Every structure is written in structure tokens, then in C-alpha cells.
Amino acid sequence: MSKMHIVDTEHAPKAVGPYSQAVISHGVLYASGQIGLDPMTGKLVGEDVLTQARQVTGNLSAVLDAAGASLSDILKVNIFLTNMGDFPAVNEIYADWLGNHRPARATVAVAALPLGASIEMDLIARVTG
């Protein structure tokens, strides 16, 4: 039976509640949702979705790196937007972030996100190390 391993990195924002940045179990990484928080200040970066989306992808990349995984290990991404009108712009940032890698994905409109964020993303990835 595999134990759950907690992933924690200073290069992504600390959890703002009773959860971990990510956990690994049975070779699978489950990353908690990330909003556009600067890991150094703990503050939301900018008010626009583009700035926040870039920070979110950077935060998730840092969590992957801390777990010994890379973008090509991502299996599934969930994107939560407070304005579905932001979808085309976010889709471009997402495509730039992942290059040719195409994991499964869902995008959902939500009424609100923590700390007034415009976007939140979480992911599932394989960890081979």
C-alpha cells in the first residue's frame, strides 16, 4: 500500500487553508487549485485574467517541478473562470504553456473564486520518479 506524499514548494503560493499544494499517491500527482497569487507576497497579481493566468501556469509548473514531474506528465487540467468571455484569451495562454502536449481538460464557469481571482486551475499528472 502506497503512502500519500505531500508536495510543498516555496516557488508556489502556500496553501491558504487546510490542504496541500499537491499530493502524490500511487505515482499520480493531484495538484490543488492555483489562483494567480505571487508566491513571495501572497497577493493576487493584477486584476486582469491574462496576468493571473500566466501566474497560475507558473505556480502549477513550480508544483510539478517540486514533485519531479514536467508539463508532459500532465494527464488532466481543470480550468475555472468567473467570466467565460475570457476563454479565448486563457486558451491562448494555456496552449503556449503546454506547447504540443494535449492532456484532457475541462473548463467551467463559476460565480466566484477565492480572493476575487478571475481564474483557478488544478491538474492531475503522472510522477515516474
C-alpha atoms as a PDB file:
ATOM      1  CA  MET A   1       0.000   0.000   0.000  1.00  0.00           C
ATOM      2  CA  SER A   2       1.456   3.344  -1.089  1.00  0.00           C
ATOM      3  CA  LYS A   3       1.508   6.235   1.335  1.00  0.00           C
ATOM      4  CA  MET A   4       0.409   9.705   0.343  1.00  0.00           C
ATOM      5  CA  HIS A   5       3.360  12.060  -0.174  1.00  0.00           C
ATOM      6  CA  ILE A   6       2.825  15.796   0.376  1.00  0.00           C
ATOM      7  CA  VAL A   7       4.375  18.177  -2.192  1.00  0.00           C
ATOM      8  CA  ASP A   8       5.447  21.549  -0.837  1.00  0.00           C
ATOM      9  CA  THR A   9       7.497  24.225  -2.586  1.00  0.00           C
ATOM     10  CA  GLU A  10       8.345  27.827  -1.830  1.00  0.00           C
ATOM     11  CA  HIS A  11       8.096  28.549  -5.581  1.00  0.00           C
ATOM     12  CA  ALA A  12       4.300  28.328  -5.461  1.00  0.00           C
ATOM     13  CA  PRO A  13       1.917  30.042  -3.041  1.00  0.00           C
ATOM     14  CA  LYS A  14       1.412  28.401   0.322  1.00  0.00           C
ATOM     15  CA  ALA A  15      -1.979  26.801   0.825  1.00  0.00           C
ATOM     16  CA  VAL A  16      -4.499  29.332   2.164  1.00  0.00           C
ATOM     17  CA  GLY A  17      -6.468  26.656   4.002  1.00  0.00           C
ATOM     18  CA  PRO A  18      -6.273  23.133   5.421  1.00  0.00           C
ATOM     19  CA  TYR A  19      -4.916  21.440   2.282  1.00  0.00           C
ATOM     20  CA  SER A  20      -1.604  20.764   0.497  1.00  0.00           C
ATOM     21  CA  GLN A  21      -0.223  22.281  -2.695  1.00  0.00           C
ATOM     22  CA  ALA A  22      -0.297  18.741  -4.074  1.00  0.00           C
ATOM     23  CA  VAL A  23      -0.182  15.119  -3.034  1.00  0.00           C
ATOM     24  CA  ILE A  24       1.260  12.058  -4.742  1.00  0.00           C
ATOM     25  CA  SER A  25      -0.287   8.631  -4.381  1.00  0.00           C
ATOM     26  CA  HIS A  26       0.429   5.525  -6.462  1.00  0.00           C
ATOM     27  CA  GLY A  27       2.524   7.518  -8.940  1.00  0.00           C
ATOM     28  CA  VAL A  28      -0.152  10.151  -9.554  1.00  0.00           C
ATOM     29  CA  LEU A  29       0.141  13.806  -8.565  1.00  0.00           C
ATOM     30  CA  TYR A  30      -3.028  15.669  -7.616  1.00  0.00           C
ATOM     31  CA  ALA A  31      -2.328  19.414  -7.589  1.00  0.00           C
ATOM     32  CA  SER A  32      -4.683  21.656  -5.654  1.00  0.00           C
ATOM     33  CA  GLY A  33      -6.241  24.612  -7.406  1.00  0.00           C
ATOM     34  CA  GLN A  34      -3.948  27.551  -8.014  1.00  0.00           C
ATOM     35  CA  ILE A  35      -5.069  31.119  -8.428  1.00  0.00           C
ATOM     36  CA  GLY A  36      -2.814  33.968  -9.561  1.00  0.00           C
ATOM     37  CA  LEU A  37      -1.025  34.508  -6.267  1.00  0.00           C
ATOM     38  CA  ASP A  38       2.579  35.659  -6.207  1.00  0.00           C
ATOM     39  CA  PRO A  39       4.426  33.089  -4.050  1.00  0.00           C
ATOM     40  CA  MET A  40       6.624  35.784  -2.487  1.00  0.00           C
ATOM     41  CA  THR A  41       3.924  38.276  -1.498  1.00  0.00           C
ATOM     42  CA  GLY A  42       0.867  36.032  -1.230  1.00  0.00           C
ATOM     43  CA  LYS A  43      -1.056  38.704  -3.147  1.00  0.00           C
ATOM     44  CA  LEU A  44      -3.103  38.346  -6.310  1.00  0.00           C
ATOM     45  CA  VAL A  45      -1.145  39.551  -9.361  1.00  0.00           C
ATOM     46  CA  GLY A  46      -3.065  42.106 -11.381  1.00  0.00           C
ATOM     47  CA  GLU A  47      -6.791  42.338 -11.907  1.00  0.00           C
ATOM     48  CA  ASP A  48      -6.830  41.018 -15.472  1.00  0.00           C
ATOM     49  CA  VAL A  49      -7.276  37.364 -16.319  1.00  0.00           C
ATOM     50  CA  LEU A  50      -4.201  37.256 -18.596  1.00  0.00           C
ATOM     51  CA  THR A  51      -1.779  38.280 -15.847  1.00  0.00           C
ATOM     52  CA  GLN A  52      -3.465  35.907 -13.409  1.00  0.00           C
ATOM     53  CA  ALA A  53      -3.475  33.017 -15.918  1.00  0.00           C
ATOM     54  CA  ARG A  54       0.255  33.385 -16.527  1.00  0.00           C
ATOM     55  CA  GLN A  55       0.858  33.312 -12.767  1.00  0.00           C
ATOM     56  CA  VAL A  56      -1.395  30.271 -12.365  1.00  0.00           C
ATOM     57  CA  THR A  57       0.529  28.307 -15.003  1.00  0.00           C
ATOM     58  CA  GLY A  58       3.806  29.346 -13.379  1.00  0.00           C
ATOM     59  CA  ASN A  59       2.552  28.221  -9.973  1.00  0.00           C
ATOM     60  CA  LEU A  60       1.428  24.854 -11.336  1.00  0.00           C
ATOM     61  CA  SER A  61       4.754  24.419 -13.138  1.00  0.00           C
ATOM     62  CA  ALA A  62       6.553  25.017  -9.827  1.00  0.00           C
ATOM     63  CA  VAL A  63       4.432  22.359  -8.112  1.00  0.00           C
ATOM     64  CA  LEU A  64       5.134  19.896 -10.931  1.00  0.00           C
ATOM     65  CA  ASP A  65       8.855  20.623 -10.690  1.00  0.00           C
ATOM     66  CA  ALA A  66       8.849  20.100  -6.918  1.00  0.00           C
ATOM     67  CA  ALA A  67       7.213  16.716  -7.486  1.00  0.00           C
ATOM     68  CA  GLY A  68       9.784  15.690 -10.101  1.00  0.00           C
ATOM     69  CA  ALA A  69       7.256  15.930 -12.930  1.00  0.00           C
ATOM     70  CA  SER A  70       7.081  18.067 -16.062  1.00  0.00           C
ATOM     71  CA  LEU A  71       4.425  19.554 -18.325  1.00  0.00           C
ATOM     72  CA  SER A  72       4.473  16.416 -20.490  1.00  0.00           C
ATOM     73  CA  ASP A  73       3.368  14.391 -17.438  1.00  0.00           C
ATOM     74  CA  ILE A  74       0.071  16.284 -17.094  1.00  0.00           C
ATOM     75  CA  LEU A  75      -2.918  13.992 -17.627  1.00  0.00           C
ATOM     76  CA  LYS A  76      -5.856  16.314 -16.849  1.00  0.00           C
ATOM     77  CA  VAL A  77      -6.410  20.025 -16.211  1.00  0.00           C
ATOM     78  CA  ASN A  78      -9.476  21.772 -14.835  1.00  0.00           C
ATOM     79  CA  ILE A  79      -9.921  25.482 -15.506  1.00  0.00           C
ATOM     80  CA  PHE A  80     -12.397  27.604 -13.566  1.00  0.00           C
ATOM     81  CA  LEU A  81     -13.287  31.055 -14.934  1.00  0.00           C
ATOM     82  CA  THR A  82     -15.506  33.746 -13.434  1.00  0.00           C
ATOM     83  CA  ASN A  83     -16.161  35.056 -16.959  1.00  0.00           C
ATOM     84  CA  MET A  84     -16.486  32.577 -19.819  1.00  0.00           C
ATOM     85  CA  GLY A  85     -15.821  35.506 -22.156  1.00  0.00           C
ATOM     86  CA  ASP A  86     -12.180  35.160 -21.023  1.00  0.00           C
ATOM     87  CA  PHE A  87     -11.991  31.651 -22.516  1.00  0.00           C
ATOM     88  CA  PRO A  88     -10.288  32.575 -25.850  1.00  0.00           C
ATOM     89  CA  ALA A  89      -7.513  34.585 -24.155  1.00  0.00           C
ATOM     90  CA  VAL A  90      -6.965  31.952 -21.461  1.00  0.00           C
ATOM     91  CA  ASN A  91      -6.933  29.239 -24.138  1.00  0.00           C
ATOM     92  CA  GLU A  92      -4.011  31.008 -25.860  1.00  0.00           C
ATOM     93  CA  ILE A  93      -2.004  31.203 -22.629  1.00  0.00           C
ATOM     94  CA  TYR A  94      -2.832  27.553 -21.916  1.00  0.00           C
ATOM     95  CA  ALA A  95      -1.678  26.488 -25.398  1.00  0.00           C
ATOM     96  CA  ASP A  96       1.575  28.484 -25.041  1.00  0.00           C
ATOM     97  CA  TRP A  97       2.181  26.901 -21.628  1.00  0.00           C
ATOM     98  CA  LEU A  98       1.752  23.313 -22.807  1.00  0.00           C
ATOM     99  CA  GLY A  99       3.120  23.554 -26.348  1.00  0.00           C
ATOM    100  CA  ASN A 100       2.211  20.385 -28.263  1.00  0.00           C
ATOM    101  CA  HIS A 101       1.148  18.453 -25.149  1.00  0.00           C
ATOM    102  CA  ARG A 102      -2.635  17.952 -25.085  1.00  0.00           C
ATOM    103  CA  PRO A 103      -3.928  16.482 -21.797  1.00  0.00           C
ATOM    104  CA  ALA A 104      -7.621  16.038 -21.069  1.00  0.00           C
ATOM    105  CA  ARG A 105      -9.278  19.253 -19.898  1.00  0.00           C
ATOM    106  CA  ALA A 106     -12.469  20.778 -18.584  1.00  0.00           C
ATOM    107  CA  THR A 107     -13.316  24.484 -18.432  1.00  0.00           C
ATOM    108  CA  VAL A 108     -16.117  25.611 -16.171  1.00  0.00           C
ATOM    109  CA  ALA A 109     -17.702  28.994 -15.449  1.00  0.00           C
ATOM    110  CA  VAL A 110     -18.091  29.733 -11.741  1.00  0.00           C
ATOM    111  CA  ALA A 111     -19.760  32.550  -9.813  1.00  0.00           C
ATOM    112  CA  ALA A 112     -16.683  33.441  -7.767  1.00  0.00           C
ATOM    113  CA  LEU A 113     -13.193  32.265  -6.815  1.00  0.00           C
ATOM    114  CA  PRO A 114     -11.068  32.732  -3.682  1.00  0.00           C
ATOM    115  CA  LEU A 115      -9.653  36.209  -3.051  1.00  0.00           C
ATOM    116  CA  GLY A 116     -11.550  37.637  -6.027  1.00  0.00           C
ATOM    117  CA  ALA A 117      -9.452  35.741  -8.596  1.00  0.00           C
ATOM    118  CA  SER A 118     -10.623  35.534 -12.217  1.00  0.00           C
ATOM    119  CA  ILE A 119      -9.148  32.070 -12.871  1.00  0.00           C
ATOM    120  CA  GLU A 120      -8.213  28.926 -10.992  1.00  0.00           C
ATOM    121  CA  MET A 121      -6.629  25.768 -12.360  1.00  0.00           C
ATOM    122  CA  ASP A 122      -5.818  22.381 -10.909  1.00  0.00           C
ATOM    123  CA  LEU A 123      -4.280  19.319 -12.504  1.00  0.00           C
ATOM    124  CA  ILE A 124      -3.503  15.638 -12.321  1.00  0.00           C
ATOM    125  CA  ALA A 125      -0.146  14.322 -13.552  1.00  0.00           C
ATOM    126  CA  ARG A 126       1.888  11.138 -13.545  1.00  0.00           C
ATOM    127  CA  VAL A 127       5.058  11.011 -11.497  1.00  0.00           C
ATOM    128  CA  THR A 128       7.600   8.499 -12.702  1.00  0.00           C
ATOM    129  CA  GLY A 129      10.426   9.221 -10.267  1.00  0.00           C
END
